[in-house]
Full PDB file with SEQRES, HELIX, SHEET, SSBOND, CRYST1, ORIGX, SCALE, CONECT and MASTER records, all heavy atoms in Angstrom:
SEQRES   1 A   41  ILE ALA GLU PHE LEU SER LYS LYS MET SER TYR GLN ASP          
SEQRES   2 A   41  LEU ASN VAL MET ASP ASN ALA GLN ARG ASN VAL LEU HIS          
SEQRES   3 A   41  MET MET ALA PHE LEU ASP ARG PRO TRP PRO GLN LEU MET          
SEQRES   4 A   41  GLN ASP                                                      
HELIX    1 AA1 ALA A    2  LYS A    8  1                                   7    
HELIX    2 AA2 TYR A   11  LEU A   14  1                                   4    
HELIX    3 AA3 VAL A   24  LEU A   31  1                                   8    
HELIX    4 AA4 PRO A   36  GLN A   40  1                                   5    
CRYST1    1.000    1.000    1.000  90.00  90.00  90.00 P 1           1          
ORIGX1      1.000000  0.000000  0.000000        0.00000                         
ORIGX2      0.000000  1.000000  0.000000        0.00000                         
ORIGX3      0.000000  0.000000  1.000000        0.00000                         
SCALE1      1.000000  0.000000  0.000000        0.00000                         
SCALE2      0.000000  1.000000  0.000000        0.00000                         
SCALE3      0.000000  0.000000  1.000000        0.00000                         
ATOM      1  N   ILE A   1      -4.993  -6.641  -4.787  1.00  0.00           N  
ATOM      2  CA  ILE A   1      -4.544  -5.264  -4.672  1.00  0.00           C  
ATOM      3  C   ILE A   1      -3.286  -4.985  -3.859  1.00  0.00           C  
ATOM      4  O   ILE A   1      -2.462  -4.286  -4.242  1.00  0.00           O  
ATOM      5  CB  ILE A   1      -5.735  -4.477  -4.158  1.00  0.00           C  
ATOM      6  CG1 ILE A   1      -7.024  -4.531  -5.065  1.00  0.00           C  
ATOM      7  CG2 ILE A   1      -5.286  -2.996  -3.823  1.00  0.00           C  
ATOM      8  CD1 ILE A   1      -8.196  -3.845  -4.590  1.00  0.00           C  
ATOM      9  N   ALA A   2      -3.136  -5.764  -2.774  1.00  0.00           N  
ATOM     10  CA  ALA A   2      -1.975  -5.538  -1.850  1.00  0.00           C  
ATOM     11  C   ALA A   2      -0.717  -6.046  -2.674  1.00  0.00           C  
ATOM     12  O   ALA A   2       0.332  -5.271  -2.614  1.00  0.00           O  
ATOM     13  CB  ALA A   2      -2.019  -6.513  -0.664  1.00  0.00           C  
ATOM     14  N   GLU A   3      -0.691  -7.112  -3.570  1.00  0.00           N  
ATOM     15  CA  GLU A   3       0.309  -7.455  -4.347  1.00  0.00           C  
ATOM     16  C   GLU A   3       0.763  -6.525  -5.375  1.00  0.00           C  
ATOM     17  O   GLU A   3       1.939  -6.054  -5.524  1.00  0.00           O  
ATOM     18  CB  GLU A   3       0.054  -8.778  -4.988  1.00  0.00           C  
ATOM     19  CG  GLU A   3      -0.049  -9.949  -4.076  1.00  0.00           C  
ATOM     20  CD  GLU A   3      -0.399 -11.318  -4.676  1.00  0.00           C  
ATOM     21  OE1 GLU A   3      -1.200 -11.230  -5.697  1.00  0.00           O  
ATOM     22  OE2 GLU A   3      -0.092 -12.300  -4.147  1.00  0.00           O  
ATOM     23  N   PHE A   4      -0.313  -5.937  -5.908  1.00  0.00           N  
ATOM     24  CA  PHE A   4      -0.047  -4.839  -7.042  1.00  0.00           C  
ATOM     25  C   PHE A   4       0.656  -3.573  -6.238  1.00  0.00           C  
ATOM     26  O   PHE A   4       1.734  -3.058  -6.767  1.00  0.00           O  
ATOM     27  CB  PHE A   4      -1.298  -4.471  -7.627  1.00  0.00           C  
ATOM     28  CG  PHE A   4      -1.145  -3.219  -8.502  1.00  0.00           C  
ATOM     29  CD1 PHE A   4      -0.490  -3.276  -9.764  1.00  0.00           C  
ATOM     30  CD2 PHE A   4      -1.622  -1.922  -8.144  1.00  0.00           C  
ATOM     31  CE1 PHE A   4      -0.389  -2.178 -10.521  1.00  0.00           C  
ATOM     32  CE2 PHE A   4      -1.347  -0.832  -8.968  1.00  0.00           C  
ATOM     33  CZ  PHE A   4      -0.820  -0.995 -10.134  1.00  0.00           C  
ATOM     34  N   LEU A   5      -0.007  -3.107  -5.224  1.00  0.00           N  
ATOM     35  CA  LEU A   5       0.560  -1.988  -4.519  1.00  0.00           C  
ATOM     36  C   LEU A   5       1.969  -2.099  -4.012  1.00  0.00           C  
ATOM     37  O   LEU A   5       2.798  -1.153  -4.183  1.00  0.00           O  
ATOM     38  CB  LEU A   5      -0.446  -1.546  -3.508  1.00  0.00           C  
ATOM     39  CG  LEU A   5      -1.742  -0.942  -3.898  1.00  0.00           C  
ATOM     40  CD1 LEU A   5      -2.673  -0.702  -2.619  1.00  0.00           C  
ATOM     41  CD2 LEU A   5      -1.573   0.377  -4.588  1.00  0.00           C  
ATOM     42  N   SER A   6       2.145  -3.281  -3.433  1.00  0.00           N  
ATOM     43  CA  SER A   6       3.432  -3.428  -2.888  1.00  0.00           C  
ATOM     44  C   SER A   6       4.698  -3.312  -3.927  1.00  0.00           C  
ATOM     45  O   SER A   6       5.754  -2.894  -3.608  1.00  0.00           O  
ATOM     46  CB  SER A   6       3.657  -4.798  -2.078  1.00  0.00           C  
ATOM     47  OG  SER A   6       3.546  -5.840  -3.086  1.00  0.00           O  
ATOM     48  N   LYS A   7       4.347  -3.781  -5.045  1.00  0.00           N  
ATOM     49  CA  LYS A   7       5.291  -3.737  -6.126  1.00  0.00           C  
ATOM     50  C   LYS A   7       5.651  -2.348  -6.545  1.00  0.00           C  
ATOM     51  O   LYS A   7       6.658  -2.106  -7.236  1.00  0.00           O  
ATOM     52  CB  LYS A   7       4.991  -4.592  -7.293  1.00  0.00           C  
ATOM     53  CG  LYS A   7       4.946  -6.160  -6.929  1.00  0.00           C  
ATOM     54  CD  LYS A   7       4.486  -6.995  -8.132  1.00  0.00           C  
ATOM     55  CE  LYS A   7       4.355  -8.478  -7.540  1.00  0.00           C  
ATOM     56  NZ  LYS A   7       3.596  -9.198  -8.265  1.00  0.00           N  
ATOM     57  N   LYS A   8       4.664  -1.477  -6.430  1.00  0.00           N  
ATOM     58  CA  LYS A   8       4.884  -0.078  -6.884  1.00  0.00           C  
ATOM     59  C   LYS A   8       5.367   0.945  -5.773  1.00  0.00           C  
ATOM     60  O   LYS A   8       5.760   1.989  -6.049  1.00  0.00           O  
ATOM     61  CB  LYS A   8       3.474   0.438  -7.274  1.00  0.00           C  
ATOM     62  CG  LYS A   8       2.860  -0.317  -8.402  1.00  0.00           C  
ATOM     63  CD  LYS A   8       3.674  -0.228  -9.686  1.00  0.00           C  
ATOM     64  CE  LYS A   8       3.008  -1.010 -10.853  1.00  0.00           C  
ATOM     65  NZ  LYS A   8       3.871  -0.848 -12.135  1.00  0.00           N  
ATOM     66  N   MET A   9       5.429   0.432  -4.546  1.00  0.00           N  
ATOM     67  CA  MET A   9       5.787   1.313  -3.346  1.00  0.00           C  
ATOM     68  C   MET A   9       7.293   1.374  -3.298  1.00  0.00           C  
ATOM     69  O   MET A   9       8.135   0.516  -3.478  1.00  0.00           O  
ATOM     70  CB  MET A   9       5.094   0.759  -2.143  1.00  0.00           C  
ATOM     71  CG  MET A   9       3.748   0.832  -2.119  1.00  0.00           C  
ATOM     72  SD  MET A   9       2.774   0.157  -0.730  1.00  0.00           S  
ATOM     73  CE  MET A   9       3.043   1.566   0.471  1.00  0.00           C  
ATOM     74  N   SER A  10       7.667   2.675  -2.817  1.00  0.00           N  
ATOM     75  CA  SER A  10       9.032   2.718  -2.470  1.00  0.00           C  
ATOM     76  C   SER A  10       9.331   2.255  -1.106  1.00  0.00           C  
ATOM     77  O   SER A  10       8.470   1.892  -0.198  1.00  0.00           O  
ATOM     78  CB  SER A  10       9.348   4.341  -2.492  1.00  0.00           C  
ATOM     79  OG  SER A  10       8.698   4.940  -1.405  1.00  0.00           O  
ATOM     80  N   TYR A  11      10.712   2.225  -0.732  1.00  0.00           N  
ATOM     81  CA  TYR A  11      11.113   1.946   0.639  1.00  0.00           C  
ATOM     82  C   TYR A  11      10.367   2.748   1.648  1.00  0.00           C  
ATOM     83  O   TYR A  11       9.900   2.277   2.668  1.00  0.00           O  
ATOM     84  CB  TYR A  11      12.745   2.081   0.631  1.00  0.00           C  
ATOM     85  CG  TYR A  11      13.334   1.835   1.959  1.00  0.00           C  
ATOM     86  CD1 TYR A  11      13.590   0.447   2.371  1.00  0.00           C  
ATOM     87  CD2 TYR A  11      13.555   2.795   2.874  1.00  0.00           C  
ATOM     88  CE1 TYR A  11      14.086   0.186   3.605  1.00  0.00           C  
ATOM     89  CE2 TYR A  11      14.115   2.582   4.199  1.00  0.00           C  
ATOM     90  CZ  TYR A  11      14.408   1.250   4.431  1.00  0.00           C  
ATOM     91  OH  TYR A  11      14.871   1.023   5.722  1.00  0.00           O  
ATOM     92  N   GLN A  12      10.418   4.064   1.342  1.00  0.00           N  
ATOM     93  CA  GLN A  12       9.773   5.039   2.421  1.00  0.00           C  
ATOM     94  C   GLN A  12       8.327   4.654   2.640  1.00  0.00           C  
ATOM     95  O   GLN A  12       7.764   4.696   3.706  1.00  0.00           O  
ATOM     96  CB  GLN A  12      10.023   6.461   1.969  1.00  0.00           C  
ATOM     97  CG  GLN A  12      11.357   6.802   2.014  1.00  0.00           C  
ATOM     98  CD  GLN A  12      12.229   6.477   0.921  1.00  0.00           C  
ATOM     99  OE1 GLN A  12      11.820   6.001  -0.134  1.00  0.00           O  
ATOM    100  NE2 GLN A  12      13.521   6.708   0.874  1.00  0.00           N  
ATOM    101  N   ASP A  13       7.651   4.352   1.508  1.00  0.00           N  
ATOM    102  CA  ASP A  13       6.190   4.099   1.624  1.00  0.00           C  
ATOM    103  C   ASP A  13       5.998   2.756   2.346  1.00  0.00           C  
ATOM    104  O   ASP A  13       4.821   2.644   3.059  1.00  0.00           O  
ATOM    105  CB  ASP A  13       5.511   4.005   0.142  1.00  0.00           C  
ATOM    106  CG  ASP A  13       5.577   5.308  -0.518  1.00  0.00           C  
ATOM    107  OD1 ASP A  13       5.638   6.479   0.021  1.00  0.00           O  
ATOM    108  OD2 ASP A  13       5.596   5.260  -1.795  1.00  0.00           O  
ATOM    109  N   LEU A  14       6.796   1.760   2.127  1.00  0.00           N  
ATOM    110  CA  LEU A  14       6.500   0.449   2.819  1.00  0.00           C  
ATOM    111  C   LEU A  14       6.962   0.632   4.256  1.00  0.00           C  
ATOM    112  O   LEU A  14       6.307  -0.134   5.078  1.00  0.00           O  
ATOM    113  CB  LEU A  14       7.497  -0.519   2.191  1.00  0.00           C  
ATOM    114  CG  LEU A  14       6.871  -1.037   0.869  1.00  0.00           C  
ATOM    115  CD1 LEU A  14       8.032  -1.905   0.163  1.00  0.00           C  
ATOM    116  CD2 LEU A  14       5.528  -1.883   1.035  1.00  0.00           C  
ATOM    117  N   ASN A  15       7.729   1.583   4.705  1.00  0.00           N  
ATOM    118  CA  ASN A  15       8.066   1.791   6.040  1.00  0.00           C  
ATOM    119  C   ASN A  15       7.206   2.644   6.934  1.00  0.00           C  
ATOM    120  O   ASN A  15       7.373   2.818   7.970  1.00  0.00           O  
ATOM    121  CB  ASN A  15       9.513   2.397   6.056  1.00  0.00           C  
ATOM    122  CG  ASN A  15      10.612   1.395   6.117  1.00  0.00           C  
ATOM    123  OD1 ASN A  15      10.797   0.738   7.131  1.00  0.00           O  
ATOM    124  ND2 ASN A  15      11.335   1.235   5.006  1.00  0.00           N  
ATOM    125  N   VAL A  16       6.031   2.959   6.305  1.00  0.00           N  
ATOM    126  CA  VAL A  16       5.110   3.759   7.052  1.00  0.00           C  
ATOM    127  C   VAL A  16       4.442   2.981   8.200  1.00  0.00           C  
ATOM    128  O   VAL A  16       4.166   1.610   7.950  1.00  0.00           O  
ATOM    129  CB  VAL A  16       3.810   4.223   6.068  1.00  0.00           C  
ATOM    130  CG1 VAL A  16       2.713   4.862   6.905  1.00  0.00           C  
ATOM    131  CG2 VAL A  16       4.369   5.338   5.128  1.00  0.00           C  
ATOM    132  N   MET A  17       4.220   3.532   9.325  1.00  0.00           N  
ATOM    133  CA  MET A  17       3.663   2.845  10.506  1.00  0.00           C  
ATOM    134  C   MET A  17       2.293   3.588  10.758  1.00  0.00           C  
ATOM    135  O   MET A  17       2.366   4.841  10.565  1.00  0.00           O  
ATOM    136  CB  MET A  17       4.562   2.890  11.735  1.00  0.00           C  
ATOM    137  CG  MET A  17       5.922   2.070  11.357  1.00  0.00           C  
ATOM    138  SD  MET A  17       6.985   1.910  12.762  1.00  0.00           S  
ATOM    139  CE  MET A  17       6.276   0.552  13.677  1.00  0.00           C  
ATOM    140  N   ASP A  18       1.317   2.880  11.107  1.00  0.00           N  
ATOM    141  CA  ASP A  18      -0.044   3.481  11.414  1.00  0.00           C  
ATOM    142  C   ASP A  18       0.040   4.118  12.825  1.00  0.00           C  
ATOM    143  O   ASP A  18       1.032   4.104  13.461  1.00  0.00           O  
ATOM    144  CB  ASP A  18      -1.124   2.504  11.197  1.00  0.00           C  
ATOM    145  CG  ASP A  18      -1.184   1.370  12.194  1.00  0.00           C  
ATOM    146  OD1 ASP A  18      -0.429   1.421  13.298  1.00  0.00           O  
ATOM    147  OD2 ASP A  18      -1.888   0.479  12.121  1.00  0.00           O  
ATOM    148  N   ASN A  19      -1.113   4.457  13.210  1.00  0.00           N  
ATOM    149  CA  ASN A  19      -1.288   5.338  14.482  1.00  0.00           C  
ATOM    150  C   ASN A  19      -0.949   4.445  15.717  1.00  0.00           C  
ATOM    151  O   ASN A  19      -0.638   5.018  16.758  1.00  0.00           O  
ATOM    152  CB  ASN A  19      -2.665   5.901  14.667  1.00  0.00           C  
ATOM    153  CG  ASN A  19      -2.946   6.960  13.533  1.00  0.00           C  
ATOM    154  OD1 ASN A  19      -2.095   7.345  12.844  1.00  0.00           O  
ATOM    155  ND2 ASN A  19      -4.304   7.334  13.453  1.00  0.00           N  
ATOM    156  N   ALA A  20      -1.000   3.199  15.488  1.00  0.00           N  
ATOM    157  CA  ALA A  20      -0.659   2.102  16.631  1.00  0.00           C  
ATOM    158  C   ALA A  20       0.763   1.728  16.442  1.00  0.00           C  
ATOM    159  O   ALA A  20       1.166   0.593  17.095  1.00  0.00           O  
ATOM    160  CB  ALA A  20      -1.582   0.999  16.594  1.00  0.00           C  
ATOM    161  N   GLN A  21       1.550   2.409  15.657  1.00  0.00           N  
ATOM    162  CA  GLN A  21       2.902   2.038  15.367  1.00  0.00           C  
ATOM    163  C   GLN A  21       3.025   0.685  14.818  1.00  0.00           C  
ATOM    164  O   GLN A  21       3.994   0.025  14.935  1.00  0.00           O  
ATOM    165  CB  GLN A  21       3.745   2.212  16.539  1.00  0.00           C  
ATOM    166  CG  GLN A  21       3.929   3.596  17.189  1.00  0.00           C  
ATOM    167  CD  GLN A  21       4.623   4.527  16.137  1.00  0.00           C  
ATOM    168  OE1 GLN A  21       3.742   5.377  15.512  1.00  0.00           O  
ATOM    169  NE2 GLN A  21       5.772   4.454  15.712  1.00  0.00           N  
ATOM    170  N   ARG A  22       2.078   0.301  13.959  1.00  0.00           N  
ATOM    171  CA  ARG A  22       2.206  -1.077  13.271  1.00  0.00           C  
ATOM    172  C   ARG A  22       2.517  -0.815  11.856  1.00  0.00           C  
ATOM    173  O   ARG A  22       2.080   0.121  11.159  1.00  0.00           O  
ATOM    174  CB  ARG A  22       0.782  -1.822  13.349  1.00  0.00           C  
ATOM    175  CG  ARG A  22       0.450  -2.157  14.682  1.00  0.00           C  
ATOM    176  CD  ARG A  22      -0.993  -2.838  14.559  1.00  0.00           C  
ATOM    177  NE  ARG A  22      -1.825  -1.794  14.200  1.00  0.00           N  
ATOM    178  CZ  ARG A  22      -2.987  -1.570  14.671  1.00  0.00           C  
ATOM    179  NH1 ARG A  22      -3.562  -2.343  15.630  1.00  0.00           N  
ATOM    180  NH2 ARG A  22      -3.837  -0.541  14.338  1.00  0.00           N  
ATOM    181  N   ASN A  23       3.345  -1.711  11.259  1.00  0.00           N  
ATOM    182  CA  ASN A  23       3.680  -1.771   9.852  1.00  0.00           C  
ATOM    183  C   ASN A  23       2.893  -2.645   9.098  1.00  0.00           C  
ATOM    184  O   ASN A  23       2.059  -3.469   9.797  1.00  0.00           O  
ATOM    185  CB  ASN A  23       5.320  -1.875   9.557  1.00  0.00           C  
ATOM    186  CG  ASN A  23       5.716  -3.243  10.023  1.00  0.00           C  
ATOM    187  OD1 ASN A  23       5.138  -4.197   9.742  1.00  0.00           O  
ATOM    188  ND2 ASN A  23       6.859  -3.337  10.727  1.00  0.00           N  
ATOM    189  N   VAL A  24       2.983  -2.887   7.854  1.00  0.00           N  
ATOM    190  CA  VAL A  24       2.187  -3.821   7.082  1.00  0.00           C  
ATOM    191  C   VAL A  24       2.424  -5.132   7.486  1.00  0.00           C  
ATOM    192  O   VAL A  24       1.398  -5.970   7.576  1.00  0.00           O  
ATOM    193  CB  VAL A  24       2.367  -3.504   5.581  1.00  0.00           C  
ATOM    194  CG1 VAL A  24       3.784  -4.009   5.138  1.00  0.00           C  
ATOM    195  CG2 VAL A  24       1.346  -4.236   4.831  1.00  0.00           C  
ATOM    196  N   LEU A  25       3.624  -5.612   7.941  1.00  0.00           N  
ATOM    197  CA  LEU A  25       3.752  -6.995   8.352  1.00  0.00           C  
ATOM    198  C   LEU A  25       3.087  -7.252   9.707  1.00  0.00           C  
ATOM    199  O   LEU A  25       2.619  -8.342   9.963  1.00  0.00           O  
ATOM    200  CB  LEU A  25       5.248  -7.296   8.442  1.00  0.00           C  
ATOM    201  CG  LEU A  25       5.963  -7.245   7.194  1.00  0.00           C  
ATOM    202  CD1 LEU A  25       7.463  -7.667   7.365  1.00  0.00           C  
ATOM    203  CD2 LEU A  25       5.494  -8.259   6.195  1.00  0.00           C  
ATOM    204  N   HIS A  26       3.046  -6.287  10.579  1.00  0.00           N  
ATOM    205  CA  HIS A  26       2.220  -6.350  11.763  1.00  0.00           C  
ATOM    206  C   HIS A  26       0.813  -6.703  11.509  1.00  0.00           C  
ATOM    207  O   HIS A  26       0.193  -7.556  12.027  1.00  0.00           O  
ATOM    208  CB  HIS A  26       2.328  -5.068  12.652  1.00  0.00           C  
ATOM    209  CG  HIS A  26       3.570  -4.793  13.349  1.00  0.00           C  
ATOM    210  ND1 HIS A  26       4.379  -3.836  12.926  1.00  0.00           N  
ATOM    211  CD2 HIS A  26       4.155  -5.369  14.455  1.00  0.00           C  
ATOM    212  CE1 HIS A  26       5.436  -3.750  13.775  1.00  0.00           C  
ATOM    213  NE2 HIS A  26       5.433  -4.728  14.709  1.00  0.00           N  
ATOM    214  N   MET A  27       0.264  -5.973  10.491  1.00  0.00           N  
ATOM    215  CA  MET A  27      -1.058  -6.059  10.130  1.00  0.00           C  
ATOM    216  C   MET A  27      -1.309  -7.525   9.613  1.00  0.00           C  
ATOM    217  O   MET A  27      -2.367  -8.146   9.892  1.00  0.00           O  
ATOM    218  CB  MET A  27      -1.560  -5.002   9.285  1.00  0.00           C  
ATOM    219  CG  MET A  27      -1.421  -3.549   9.835  1.00  0.00           C  
ATOM    220  SD  MET A  27      -2.206  -2.421   8.736  1.00  0.00           S  
ATOM    221  CE  MET A  27      -3.876  -2.792   8.578  1.00  0.00           C  
ATOM    222  N   MET A  28      -0.522  -7.966   8.720  1.00  0.00           N  
ATOM    223  CA  MET A  28      -0.684  -9.301   8.101  1.00  0.00           C  
ATOM    224  C   MET A  28      -0.618 -10.320   9.220  1.00  0.00           C  
ATOM    225  O   MET A  28      -1.341 -11.317   9.081  1.00  0.00           O  
ATOM    226  CB  MET A  28       0.484  -9.477   7.118  1.00  0.00           C  
ATOM    227  CG  MET A  28       0.301  -8.633   5.899  1.00  0.00           C  
ATOM    228  SD  MET A  28       1.659  -8.804   4.766  1.00  0.00           S  
ATOM    229  CE  MET A  28       0.953 -10.194   3.839  1.00  0.00           C  
ATOM    230  N   ALA A  29       0.186 -10.217  10.173  1.00  0.00           N  
ATOM    231  CA  ALA A  29       0.305 -11.130  11.318  1.00  0.00           C  
ATOM    232  C   ALA A  29      -1.110 -11.106  12.145  1.00  0.00           C  
ATOM    233  O   ALA A  29      -1.616 -12.189  12.480  1.00  0.00           O  
ATOM    234  CB  ALA A  29       1.639 -10.901  12.238  1.00  0.00           C  
ATOM    235  N   PHE A  30      -1.407  -9.930  12.453  1.00  0.00           N  
ATOM    236  CA  PHE A  30      -2.533  -9.710  13.395  1.00  0.00           C  
ATOM    237  C   PHE A  30      -3.891 -10.168  12.678  1.00  0.00           C  
ATOM    238  O   PHE A  30      -4.730 -10.836  13.261  1.00  0.00           O  
ATOM    239  CB  PHE A  30      -2.710  -8.362  13.655  1.00  0.00           C  
ATOM    240  CG  PHE A  30      -3.776  -7.951  14.716  1.00  0.00           C  
ATOM    241  CD1 PHE A  30      -3.536  -8.253  16.075  1.00  0.00           C  
ATOM    242  CD2 PHE A  30      -5.137  -7.479  14.243  1.00  0.00           C  
ATOM    243  CE1 PHE A  30      -4.603  -8.045  16.965  1.00  0.00           C  
ATOM    244  CE2 PHE A  30      -6.129  -7.327  15.169  1.00  0.00           C  
ATOM    245  CZ  PHE A  30      -5.921  -7.573  16.591  1.00  0.00           C  
ATOM    246  N   LEU A  31      -3.982  -9.924  11.365  1.00  0.00           N  
ATOM    247  CA  LEU A  31      -5.139 -10.310  10.693  1.00  0.00           C  
ATOM    248  C   LEU A  31      -5.108 -11.725   9.951  1.00  0.00           C  
ATOM    249  O   LEU A  31      -6.045 -12.039   9.297  1.00  0.00           O  
ATOM    250  CB  LEU A  31      -5.548  -9.271   9.618  1.00  0.00           C  
ATOM    251  CG  LEU A  31      -5.764  -7.785  10.201  1.00  0.00           C  
ATOM    252  CD1 LEU A  31      -5.780  -6.872   9.019  1.00  0.00           C  
ATOM    253  CD2 LEU A  31      -7.074  -7.888  10.942  1.00  0.00           C  
ATOM    254  N   ASP A  32      -4.011 -12.400  10.169  1.00  0.00           N  
ATOM    255  CA  ASP A  32      -3.906 -13.827   9.708  1.00  0.00           C  
ATOM    256  C   ASP A  32      -3.933 -13.763   8.151  1.00  0.00           C  
ATOM    257  O   ASP A  32      -4.844 -14.385   7.547  1.00  0.00           O  
ATOM    258  CB  ASP A  32      -5.018 -14.742  10.223  1.00  0.00           C  
ATOM    259  CG  ASP A  32      -4.608 -16.281   9.992  1.00  0.00           C  
ATOM    260  OD1 ASP A  32      -3.582 -16.531   9.562  1.00  0.00           O  
ATOM    261  OD2 ASP A  32      -5.638 -16.982   9.840  1.00  0.00           O  
ATOM    262  N   ARG A  33      -3.047 -13.019   7.589  1.00  0.00           N  
ATOM    263  CA  ARG A  33      -2.853 -13.049   6.121  1.00  0.00           C  
ATOM    264  C   ARG A  33      -1.703 -13.731   5.635  1.00  0.00           C  
ATOM    265  O   ARG A  33      -0.623 -13.154   5.516  1.00  0.00           O  
ATOM    266  CB  ARG A  33      -2.828 -11.653   5.570  1.00  0.00           C  
ATOM    267  CG  ARG A  33      -4.065 -10.654   5.948  1.00  0.00           C  
ATOM    268  CD  ARG A  33      -5.280 -11.097   5.299  1.00  0.00           C  
ATOM    269  NE  ARG A  33      -6.363 -10.026   5.468  1.00  0.00           N  
ATOM    270  CZ  ARG A  33      -7.448 -10.230   6.362  1.00  0.00           C  
ATOM    271  NH1 ARG A  33      -7.550 -11.461   6.984  1.00  0.00           N  
ATOM    272  NH2 ARG A  33      -8.254  -9.237   6.577  1.00  0.00           N  
ATOM    273  N   PRO A  34      -1.691 -15.124   5.511  1.00  0.00           N  
ATOM    274  CA  PRO A  34      -0.511 -15.851   5.210  1.00  0.00           C  
ATOM    275  C   PRO A  34      -0.253 -15.956   3.715  1.00  0.00           C  
ATOM    276  O   PRO A  34      -0.470 -16.774   2.911  1.00  0.00           O  
ATOM    277  CB  PRO A  34      -0.861 -17.279   5.686  1.00  0.00           C  
ATOM    278  CG  PRO A  34      -2.463 -17.455   5.327  1.00  0.00           C  
ATOM    279  CD  PRO A  34      -2.916 -16.008   5.719  1.00  0.00           C  
ATOM    280  N   TRP A  35       0.304 -14.743   3.280  1.00  0.00           N  
ATOM    281  CA  TRP A  35       0.677 -14.502   1.836  1.00  0.00           C  
ATOM    282  C   TRP A  35       2.155 -14.413   1.762  1.00  0.00           C  
ATOM    283  O   TRP A  35       2.816 -13.465   1.715  1.00  0.00           O  
ATOM    284  CB  TRP A  35      -0.010 -13.251   1.469  1.00  0.00           C  
ATOM    285  CG  TRP A  35      -1.519 -13.018   1.570  1.00  0.00           C  
ATOM    286  CD1 TRP A  35      -2.361 -13.962   1.685  1.00  0.00           C  
ATOM    287  CD2 TRP A  35      -2.227 -11.752   1.724  1.00  0.00           C  
ATOM    288  NE1 TRP A  35      -3.687 -13.593   1.832  1.00  0.00           N  
ATOM    289  CE2 TRP A  35      -3.591 -12.223   1.807  1.00  0.00           C  
ATOM    290  CE3 TRP A  35      -1.962 -10.539   1.722  1.00  0.00           C  
ATOM    291  CZ2 TRP A  35      -4.554 -11.303   1.910  1.00  0.00           C  
ATOM    292  CZ3 TRP A  35      -2.981  -9.490   1.847  1.00  0.00           C  
ATOM    293  CH2 TRP A  35      -4.254  -9.902   2.006  1.00  0.00           C  
ATOM    294  N   PRO A  36       2.782 -15.647   1.641  1.00  0.00           N  
ATOM    295  CA  PRO A  36       4.209 -15.764   1.645  1.00  0.00           C  
ATOM    296  C   PRO A  36       4.924 -14.951   0.705  1.00  0.00           C  
ATOM    297  O   PRO A  36       6.007 -14.348   1.077  1.00  0.00           O  
ATOM    298  CB  PRO A  36       4.475 -17.233   1.380  1.00  0.00           C  
ATOM    299  CG  PRO A  36       3.180 -17.927   1.141  1.00  0.00           C  
ATOM    300  CD  PRO A  36       2.147 -16.889   1.444  1.00  0.00           C  
ATOM    301  N   GLN A  37       4.488 -14.903  -0.683  1.00  0.00           N  
ATOM    302  CA  GLN A  37       5.265 -14.190  -1.667  1.00  0.00           C  
ATOM    303  C   GLN A  37       5.226 -12.641  -1.331  1.00  0.00           C  
ATOM    304  O   GLN A  37       6.232 -12.029  -1.478  1.00  0.00           O  
ATOM    305  CB  GLN A  37       4.710 -14.406  -3.062  1.00  0.00           C  
ATOM    306  CG  GLN A  37       5.636 -13.772  -4.086  1.00  0.00           C  
ATOM    307  CD  GLN A  37       7.079 -14.360  -4.059  1.00  0.00           C  
ATOM    308  OE1 GLN A  37       7.195 -15.661  -4.152  1.00  0.00           O  
ATOM    309  NE2 GLN A  37       8.014 -13.560  -4.012  1.00  0.00           N  
ATOM    310  N   LEU A  38       4.103 -12.160  -0.920  1.00  0.00           N  
ATOM    311  CA  LEU A  38       4.018 -10.759  -0.650  1.00  0.00           C  
ATOM    312  C   LEU A  38       4.830 -10.491   0.573  1.00  0.00           C  
ATOM    313  O   LEU A  38       5.578  -9.437   0.504  1.00  0.00           O  
ATOM    314  CB  LEU A  38       2.556 -10.357  -0.254  1.00  0.00           C  
ATOM    315  CG  LEU A  38       2.306  -8.873   0.129  1.00  0.00           C  
ATOM    316  CD1 LEU A  38       2.838  -8.008  -0.981  1.00  0.00           C  
ATOM    317  CD2 LEU A  38       0.766  -8.722   0.273  1.00  0.00           C  
ATOM    318  N   MET A  39       4.881 -11.239   1.588  1.00  0.00           N  
ATOM    319  CA  MET A  39       5.716 -10.884   2.812  1.00  0.00           C  
ATOM    320  C   MET A  39       7.106 -10.941   2.492  1.00  0.00           C  
ATOM    321  O   MET A  39       7.828 -10.099   2.934  1.00  0.00           O  
ATOM    322  CB  MET A  39       5.314 -12.013   3.887  1.00  0.00           C  
ATOM    323  CG  MET A  39       3.972 -11.927   4.469  1.00  0.00           C  
ATOM    324  SD  MET A  39       3.576 -13.271   5.602  1.00  0.00           S  
ATOM    325  CE  MET A  39       3.138 -12.290   6.861  1.00  0.00           C  
ATOM    326  N   GLN A  40       7.549 -11.855   1.650  1.00  0.00           N  
ATOM    327  CA  GLN A  40       8.879 -11.994   1.127  1.00  0.00           C  
ATOM    328  C   GLN A  40       9.262 -10.931   0.326  1.00  0.00           C  
ATOM    329  O   GLN A  40      10.384 -10.242   0.639  1.00  0.00           O  
ATOM    330  CB  GLN A  40       9.211 -13.396   0.347  1.00  0.00           C  
ATOM    331  CG  GLN A  40      10.539 -13.428  -0.018  1.00  0.00           C  
ATOM    332  CD  GLN A  40      10.849 -14.683  -0.857  1.00  0.00           C  
ATOM    333  OE1 GLN A  40      10.053 -15.715  -0.887  1.00  0.00           O  
ATOM    334  NE2 GLN A  40      11.952 -14.768  -1.468  1.00  0.00           N  
ATOM    335  N   ASP A  41       8.420 -10.434  -0.558  1.00  0.00           N  
ATOM    336  CA  ASP A  41       8.752  -9.205  -1.287  1.00  0.00           C  
ATOM    337  C   ASP A  41       8.894  -7.972  -0.416  1.00  0.00           C  
ATOM    338  O   ASP A  41       9.893  -7.210  -0.609  1.00  0.00           O  
ATOM    339  CB  ASP A  41       7.651  -8.944  -2.417  1.00  0.00           C  
ATOM    340  CG  ASP A  41       7.615  -9.953  -3.492  1.00  0.00           C  
ATOM    341  OD1 ASP A  41       8.512 -10.715  -3.551  1.00  0.00           O  
ATOM    342  OD2 ASP A  41       6.588 -10.094  -4.092  1.00  0.00           O  
TER     343      ASP A  41                                                      
MASTER        0    0    0    4    0    0    0    6  342    1    0    4          
END                                                                             
């Protein structure tokens, strides 16, 4: 689902930060999601 959504999202949507000021890459690091292609995209 993450791969599908990321391909559909705009620059502004990907730049959203949550209430703790984390972006999606922060979350992937914190939650140990080693998804190289998604991170690269």
